[in-house]
Amino acid sequence: MLSACAQVSRGTTPTTLAPIPTLKQPCTRSQIFPDEWASDILHMTTVWLDVGIDTDLEPGDMKRLDIGREPVLLANVEGTIVAVADTCTHEDASLSGGALDGVFVRCPLHGSRFCLLDGKAVDDPAEIDLKTFPIRIEHGRILIELSR
């Protein structure tokens, strides 16, 4: 069986663009990793990890957190607590050893700068943005969202 994509413009009728074939056999996780996975359903879990008290991180401070396989840089940017990947995307240096300048952190190795609000690489030599982590504050505690 085929399904079709339709393009609709204001005041016109839908037209068929291209048929999209459906899969003959569903692809499931257990077919790909038969020894590792027992379920055919892929589950995504969101975990909020408590990483400390919000008053411990003063404006202009930052610190490295070792969470699982990926180190996280936690920073207080002008009163807003943010979390990004701690590793520079250019040469794997820890950004926690760098300099915090307003909303930017500078890599201590080659000087790449990243915006801590959105993870964007703003100066060479880094060209790849940093991963960002959602933060929330509950009852004075800093919580970082980790998806697994």
C-alpha atoms as a PDB file:
ATOM      1  CA  MET A   1       0.000   0.000   0.000  1.00  0.00           C
ATOM      2  CA  LEU A   2       1.232   3.512  -0.776  1.00  0.00           C
ATOM      3  CA  SER A   3       0.487   6.770   0.939  1.00  0.00           C
ATOM      4  CA  ALA A   4       0.946  10.122  -0.771  1.00  0.00           C
ATOM      5  CA  CYS A   5       2.187  13.558   0.176  1.00  0.00           C
ATOM      6  CA  ALA A   6      -0.162  16.358  -0.741  1.00  0.00           C
ATOM      7  CA  GLN A   7       0.661  19.997  -1.294  1.00  0.00           C
ATOM      8  CA  VAL A   8      -2.105  22.454  -0.468  1.00  0.00           C
ATOM      9  CA  SER A   9      -1.938  26.141  -1.299  1.00  0.00           C
ATOM     10  CA  ARG A  10      -4.555  28.603  -0.152  1.00  0.00           C
ATOM     11  CA  GLY A  11      -7.536  28.444  -2.519  1.00  0.00           C
ATOM     12  CA  THR A  12      -6.379  25.307  -4.350  1.00  0.00           C
ATOM     13  CA  THR A  13      -7.069  21.617  -4.085  1.00  0.00           C
ATOM     14  CA  PRO A  14      -4.491  19.082  -2.919  1.00  0.00           C
ATOM     15  CA  THR A  15      -2.250  17.522  -5.560  1.00  0.00           C
ATOM     16  CA  THR A  16      -0.182  14.394  -5.264  1.00  0.00           C
ATOM     17  CA  LEU A  17       3.567  15.063  -5.167  1.00  0.00           C
ATOM     18  CA  ALA A  18       5.201  11.685  -4.732  1.00  0.00           C
ATOM     19  CA  PRO A  19       4.155   8.311  -3.392  1.00  0.00           C
ATOM     20  CA  ILE A  20       5.854   7.172  -0.197  1.00  0.00           C
ATOM     21  CA  PRO A  21       6.197   3.406   0.125  1.00  0.00           C
ATOM     22  CA  THR A  22       5.322   1.842   3.435  1.00  0.00           C
ATOM     23  CA  LEU A  23       7.614  -0.710   5.052  1.00  0.00           C
ATOM     24  CA  LYS A  24       6.839  -4.326   4.234  1.00  0.00           C
ATOM     25  CA  GLN A  25       8.206  -5.466   7.583  1.00  0.00           C
ATOM     26  CA  PRO A  26       8.315  -3.237  10.667  1.00  0.00           C
ATOM     27  CA  CYS A  27      11.810  -2.461  11.905  1.00  0.00           C
ATOM     28  CA  THR A  28      12.043  -3.058  15.623  1.00  0.00           C
ATOM     29  CA  ARG A  29      14.775  -2.663  18.166  1.00  0.00           C
ATOM     30  CA  SER A  30      14.937  -6.380  18.945  1.00  0.00           C
ATOM     31  CA  GLN A  31      15.756  -7.170  15.307  1.00  0.00           C
ATOM     32  CA  ILE A  32      18.702  -4.804  15.387  1.00  0.00           C
ATOM     33  CA  PHE A  33      20.027  -5.763  18.830  1.00  0.00           C
ATOM     34  CA  PRO A  34      18.560  -9.214  19.525  1.00  0.00           C
ATOM     35  CA  ASP A  35      20.850 -10.026  22.445  1.00  0.00           C
ATOM     36  CA  GLU A  36      20.747  -6.639  24.099  1.00  0.00           C
ATOM     37  CA  TRP A  37      17.087  -5.636  23.972  1.00  0.00           C
ATOM     38  CA  ALA A  38      14.049  -7.592  25.001  1.00  0.00           C
ATOM     39  CA  SER A  39      11.386  -5.085  24.017  1.00  0.00           C
ATOM     40  CA  ASP A  40      10.230  -4.017  20.570  1.00  0.00           C
ATOM     41  CA  ILE A  41       9.267  -0.591  21.905  1.00  0.00           C
ATOM     42  CA  LEU A  42      11.821   2.177  22.170  1.00  0.00           C
ATOM     43  CA  HIS A  43      11.274   4.107  25.422  1.00  0.00           C
ATOM     44  CA  MET A  44      12.683   7.581  26.100  1.00  0.00           C
ATOM     45  CA  THR A  45      12.958   8.486  29.767  1.00  0.00           C
ATOM     46  CA  THR A  46      13.408  11.986  31.118  1.00  0.00           C
ATOM     47  CA  VAL A  47      15.276  12.300  34.396  1.00  0.00           C
ATOM     48  CA  TRP A  48      15.707  15.478  36.423  1.00  0.00           C
ATOM     49  CA  LEU A  49      18.980  15.218  38.336  1.00  0.00           C
ATOM     50  CA  ASP A  50      19.477  17.302  41.483  1.00  0.00           C
ATOM     51  CA  VAL A  51      22.941  18.880  41.255  1.00  0.00           C
ATOM     52  CA  GLY A  52      22.964  21.275  44.200  1.00  0.00           C
ATOM     53  CA  ILE A  53      21.676  24.425  45.811  1.00  0.00           C
ATOM     54  CA  ASP A  54      21.123  27.447  43.578  1.00  0.00           C
ATOM     55  CA  THR A  55      22.740  29.856  46.070  1.00  0.00           C
ATOM     56  CA  ASP A  56      26.030  27.890  45.894  1.00  0.00           C
ATOM     57  CA  LEU A  57      26.573  29.160  42.332  1.00  0.00           C
ATOM     58  CA  GLU A  58      27.020  32.938  42.451  1.00  0.00           C
ATOM     59  CA  PRO A  59      26.610  35.097  39.311  1.00  0.00           C
ATOM     60  CA  GLY A  60      29.780  34.752  37.237  1.00  0.00           C
ATOM     61  CA  ASP A  61      30.653  31.323  38.703  1.00  0.00           C
ATOM     62  CA  MET A  62      30.850  28.061  36.802  1.00  0.00           C
ATOM     63  CA  LYS A  63      31.723  24.492  37.679  1.00  0.00           C
ATOM     64  CA  ARG A  64      32.149  21.121  36.008  1.00  0.00           C
ATOM     65  CA  LEU A  65      29.818  18.253  36.842  1.00  0.00           C
ATOM     66  CA  ASP A  66      30.713  14.701  35.894  1.00  0.00           C
ATOM     67  CA  ILE A  67      27.359  13.183  34.991  1.00  0.00           C
ATOM     68  CA  GLY A  68      27.554   9.816  33.309  1.00  0.00           C
ATOM     69  CA  ARG A  69      29.699   9.788  30.178  1.00  0.00           C
ATOM     70  CA  GLU A  70      29.350  13.487  29.444  1.00  0.00           C
ATOM     71  CA  PRO A  71      30.788  16.240  31.639  1.00  0.00           C
ATOM     72  CA  VAL A  72      28.447  19.217  32.080  1.00  0.00           C
ATOM     73  CA  LEU A  73      29.363  22.858  32.646  1.00  0.00           C
ATOM     74  CA  LEU A  74      27.004  24.531  35.106  1.00  0.00           C
ATOM     75  CA  ALA A  75      27.206  28.339  35.123  1.00  0.00           C
ATOM     76  CA  ASN A  76      25.410  31.302  36.635  1.00  0.00           C
ATOM     77  CA  VAL A  77      25.135  33.801  33.782  1.00  0.00           C
ATOM     78  CA  GLU A  78      23.979  37.145  35.168  1.00  0.00           C
ATOM     79  CA  GLY A  79      21.630  35.416  37.623  1.00  0.00           C
ATOM     80  CA  THR A  80      20.419  32.701  35.224  1.00  0.00           C
ATOM     81  CA  ILE A  81      21.712  29.184  35.784  1.00  0.00           C
ATOM     82  CA  VAL A  82      22.533  27.330  32.565  1.00  0.00           C
ATOM     83  CA  ALA A  83      24.027  23.958  31.677  1.00  0.00           C
ATOM     84  CA  VAL A  84      25.967  22.988  28.544  1.00  0.00           C
ATOM     85  CA  ALA A  85      28.387  20.236  27.588  1.00  0.00           C
ATOM     86  CA  ASP A  86      31.722  20.987  29.290  1.00  0.00           C
ATOM     87  CA  THR A  87      33.905  19.730  26.434  1.00  0.00           C
ATOM     88  CA  CYS A  88      35.025  22.127  23.684  1.00  0.00           C
ATOM     89  CA  THR A  89      33.894  20.849  20.299  1.00  0.00           C
ATOM     90  CA  HIS A  90      37.237  21.784  18.715  1.00  0.00           C
ATOM     91  CA  GLU A  91      39.876  19.974  20.809  1.00  0.00           C
ATOM     92  CA  ASP A  92      38.118  18.257  23.735  1.00  0.00           C
ATOM     93  CA  ALA A  93      39.313  20.733  26.385  1.00  0.00           C
ATOM     94  CA  SER A  94      37.274  21.286  29.559  1.00  0.00           C
ATOM     95  CA  LEU A  95      35.477  24.634  29.321  1.00  0.00           C
ATOM     96  CA  SER A  96      35.279  24.860  33.115  1.00  0.00           C
ATOM     97  CA  GLY A  97      38.975  25.852  33.022  1.00  0.00           C
ATOM     98  CA  GLY A  98      38.167  28.719  30.669  1.00  0.00           C
ATOM     99  CA  ALA A  99      36.988  32.263  31.260  1.00  0.00           C
ATOM    100  CA  LEU A 100      33.373  33.333  31.726  1.00  0.00           C
ATOM    101  CA  ASP A 101      32.648  36.687  30.071  1.00  0.00           C
ATOM    102  CA  GLY A 102      28.994  37.704  30.317  1.00  0.00           C
ATOM    103  CA  VAL A 103      27.000  35.044  28.447  1.00  0.00           C
ATOM    104  CA  PHE A 104      30.132  33.554  26.820  1.00  0.00           C
ATOM    105  CA  VAL A 105      32.707  31.017  27.931  1.00  0.00           C
ATOM    106  CA  ARG A 106      36.153  30.960  26.311  1.00  0.00           C
ATOM    107  CA  CYS A 107      37.977  27.664  25.831  1.00  0.00           C
ATOM    108  CA  PRO A 108      41.325  27.660  27.684  1.00  0.00           C
ATOM    109  CA  LEU A 109      43.078  25.752  24.884  1.00  0.00           C
ATOM    110  CA  HIS A 110      42.577  27.687  21.628  1.00  0.00           C
ATOM    111  CA  GLY A 111      40.220  30.516  22.612  1.00  0.00           C
ATOM    112  CA  SER A 112      36.969  29.381  21.004  1.00  0.00           C
ATOM    113  CA  ARG A 113      33.955  31.137  22.522  1.00  0.00           C
ATOM    114  CA  PHE A 114      30.513  29.657  23.075  1.00  0.00           C
ATOM    115  CA  CYS A 115      27.252  31.329  24.062  1.00  0.00           C
ATOM    116  CA  LEU A 116      26.050  29.638  27.233  1.00  0.00           C
ATOM    117  CA  LEU A 117      22.405  30.532  26.601  1.00  0.00           C
ATOM    118  CA  ASP A 118      22.081  28.471  23.412  1.00  0.00           C
ATOM    119  CA  GLY A 119      25.410  26.608  23.065  1.00  0.00           C
ATOM    120  CA  LYS A 120      26.347  28.362  19.794  1.00  0.00           C
ATOM    121  CA  ALA A 121      30.023  28.411  18.793  1.00  0.00           C
ATOM    122  CA  VAL A 122      30.718  32.103  18.098  1.00  0.00           C
ATOM    123  CA  ASP A 123      34.507  32.182  17.549  1.00  0.00           C
ATOM    124  CA  ASP A 124      36.916  30.006  15.598  1.00  0.00           C
ATOM    125  CA  PRO A 125      38.416  27.507  15.669  1.00  0.00           C
ATOM    126  CA  ALA A 126      35.297  25.728  17.049  1.00  0.00           C
ATOM    127  CA  GLU A 127      32.498  25.348  14.514  1.00  0.00           C
ATOM    128  CA  ILE A 128      30.193  22.862  16.249  1.00  0.00           C
ATOM    129  CA  ASP A 129      27.735  24.084  18.891  1.00  0.00           C
ATOM    130  CA  LEU A 130      27.618  22.729  22.431  1.00  0.00           C
ATOM    131  CA  LYS A 131      24.794  20.524  23.656  1.00  0.00           C
ATOM    132  CA  THR A 132      22.555  22.368  26.114  1.00  0.00           C
ATOM    133  CA  PHE A 133      20.615  20.904  29.024  1.00  0.00           C
ATOM    134  CA  PRO A 134      17.275  22.214  30.339  1.00  0.00           C
ATOM    135  CA  ILE A 135      17.466  23.545  33.901  1.00  0.00           C
ATOM    136  CA  ARG A 136      14.805  24.161  36.477  1.00  0.00           C
ATOM    137  CA  ILE A 137      14.975  25.391  40.046  1.00  0.00           C
ATOM    138  CA  GLU A 138      12.684  23.756  42.616  1.00  0.00           C
ATOM    139  CA  HIS A 139      12.710  24.711  46.283  1.00  0.00           C
ATOM    140  CA  GLY A 140      16.168  26.247  45.865  1.00  0.00           C
ATOM    141  CA  ARG A 141      17.623  23.110  44.220  1.00  0.00           C
ATOM    142  CA  ILE A 142      19.163  23.047  40.717  1.00  0.00           C
ATOM    143  CA  LEU A 143      17.756  20.260  38.527  1.00  0.00           C
ATOM    144  CA  ILE A 144      19.233  19.279  35.144  1.00  0.00           C
ATOM    145  CA  GLU A 145      17.165  17.351  32.609  1.00  0.00           C
ATOM    146  CA  LEU A 146      18.845  14.254  31.264  1.00  0.00           C
ATOM    147  CA  SER A 147      17.140  12.175  28.566  1.00  0.00           C
ATOM    148  CA  ARG A 148      18.000   8.517  28.354  1.00  0.00           C
END
